[in-house]
């Protein structure tokens, strides 16, 4: 879902910008390709999770308790599950990066 949102945001930005269309589309496609490379399971920088029932359940709880949008809830729930997994293994929690206002406003805390 994160890949879909990244593609949406980059594409919207390319549509909204002024200038030569072909240059904007090349820039858009280049940015999307770079993000996809980061998500490549065979050596990318980011771990991509499968959509698991736990993610959907936690995302639903976040929507009920916080009012954030569904895609934001899925991304935050995924980050929370990764965090819990890391902490269980004794690792440092991962850094959750977002530019989304509602997600920025929420603290990553355990849902009850």
Protein backbone atom coordinates (compact mmCIF):
# COMPACT_ATOMS: atom_id res chain seq x y z
CA UNK A 1 0.00 0.00 0.00
CA UNK A 2 2.90 2.36 0.67
CA UNK A 3 4.10 1.90 -2.91
CA UNK A 4 0.64 2.81 -4.21
CA UNK A 5 0.58 5.96 -2.06
CA UNK A 6 4.09 7.00 -3.11
CA UNK A 7 3.14 6.57 -6.79
CA UNK A 8 -0.04 8.59 -6.19
CA UNK A 9 1.79 11.48 -4.52
CA UNK A 10 4.62 11.63 -7.06
CA UNK A 11 2.14 11.45 -9.95
CA UNK A 12 -0.06 14.19 -8.47
CA UNK A 13 2.97 16.42 -8.02
CA UNK A 14 4.04 15.80 -11.64
CA UNK A 15 0.54 16.71 -12.87
CA UNK A 16 0.44 19.90 -10.79
CA UNK A 17 3.84 21.23 -11.84
CA UNK A 18 4.35 23.58 -14.74
CA UNK A 19 6.84 22.99 -17.47
CA UNK A 20 7.51 20.57 -20.25
CA UNK A 21 5.26 17.53 -19.93
CA UNK A 22 7.82 14.99 -21.16
CA UNK A 23 10.40 16.25 -18.65
CA UNK A 24 7.87 16.02 -15.79
CA UNK A 25 6.90 12.48 -16.79
CA UNK A 26 10.55 11.36 -16.99
CA UNK A 27 11.19 12.84 -13.55
CA UNK A 28 8.05 11.14 -12.19
CA UNK A 29 9.02 7.77 -13.63
CA UNK A 30 12.58 8.11 -12.31
CA UNK A 31 11.42 8.86 -8.77
CA UNK A 32 8.96 5.97 -8.82
CA UNK A 33 11.65 3.58 -10.12
CA UNK A 34 14.03 4.69 -7.34
CA UNK A 35 11.40 4.04 -4.68
CA UNK A 36 10.55 0.65 -6.19
CA UNK A 37 14.26 -0.27 -6.08
CA UNK A 38 14.32 0.59 -2.37
CA UNK A 39 11.37 -1.81 -1.89
CA UNK A 40 12.93 -4.69 -3.86
CA UNK A 41 12.83 -7.80 -1.63
CA UNK A 42 16.10 -9.07 -3.11
CA UNK A 43 18.18 -6.20 -1.81
CA UNK A 44 16.20 -3.04 -1.28
CA UNK A 45 16.61 -0.76 1.72
CA UNK A 46 13.01 -1.15 2.91
CA UNK A 47 11.23 -4.22 4.22
CA UNK A 48 7.84 -4.65 2.59
CA UNK A 49 5.21 -6.50 4.60
CA UNK A 50 2.49 -8.67 3.20
CA UNK A 51 -1.02 -7.53 4.02
CA UNK A 52 -1.73 -9.61 7.11
CA UNK A 53 -4.96 -9.92 9.08
CA UNK A 54 -3.14 -8.40 12.09
CA UNK A 55 -2.37 -5.28 10.05
CA UNK A 56 -5.98 -4.91 8.99
CA UNK A 57 -7.29 -5.43 12.52
CA UNK A 58 -4.88 -2.92 14.01
CA UNK A 59 -5.61 -0.44 11.20
CA UNK A 60 -9.33 -0.79 11.90
CA UNK A 61 -8.73 -0.04 15.57
CA UNK A 62 -6.69 3.03 14.64
CA UNK A 63 -9.52 4.28 12.43
CA UNK A 64 -12.00 3.78 15.28
CA UNK A 65 -9.91 5.53 17.91
CA UNK A 66 -8.13 8.27 15.96
CA UNK A 67 -10.15 9.15 12.88
CA UNK A 68 -7.18 8.84 10.48
CA UNK A 69 -7.79 7.73 6.92
CA UNK A 70 -7.70 4.04 6.01
CA UNK A 71 -4.44 4.07 4.02
CA UNK A 72 -2.74 6.07 6.77
CA UNK A 73 -4.02 3.57 9.32
CA UNK A 74 -2.68 0.62 7.32
CA UNK A 75 0.76 2.23 7.05
CA UNK A 76 0.85 3.15 10.73
CA UNK A 77 -0.41 -0.28 11.79
CA UNK A 78 2.31 -1.91 9.69
CA UNK A 79 4.95 0.28 11.31
CA UNK A 80 3.60 -0.59 14.76
CA UNK A 81 3.79 -4.32 14.00
CA UNK A 82 7.37 -3.99 12.75
CA UNK A 83 8.21 -1.99 15.88
CA UNK A 84 6.70 -4.66 18.14
CA UNK A 85 8.61 -7.39 16.30
CA UNK A 86 11.89 -5.48 16.66
CA UNK A 87 11.35 -4.83 20.35
CA UNK A 88 10.46 -8.48 20.98
CA UNK A 89 13.78 -9.48 19.41
CA UNK A 90 15.70 -6.95 21.48
CA UNK A 91 16.38 -4.66 18.53
CA UNK A 92 15.94 -0.91 18.41
CA UNK A 93 12.56 0.18 17.05
CA UNK A 94 12.58 1.29 13.42
CA UNK A 95 12.09 4.92 12.45
CA UNK A 96 8.69 5.66 10.94
CA UNK A 97 9.00 8.45 8.38
CA UNK A 98 5.97 10.32 7.09
CA UNK A 99 5.07 13.78 5.87
CA UNK A 100 1.38 13.18 6.53
CA UNK A 101 -0.04 15.54 9.13
CA UNK A 102 -2.44 13.14 10.88
CA UNK A 103 0.21 10.42 11.09
CA UNK A 104 2.78 12.93 12.35
CA UNK A 105 0.35 14.01 15.04
CA UNK A 106 -0.12 10.46 16.31
CA UNK A 107 2.39 8.81 18.57
CA UNK A 108 3.25 5.19 17.87
CA UNK A 109 1.81 3.62 20.96
CA UNK A 110 0.24 0.28 21.56
CA UNK A 111 -3.43 0.13 20.75
CA UNK A 112 -5.59 -1.57 23.29
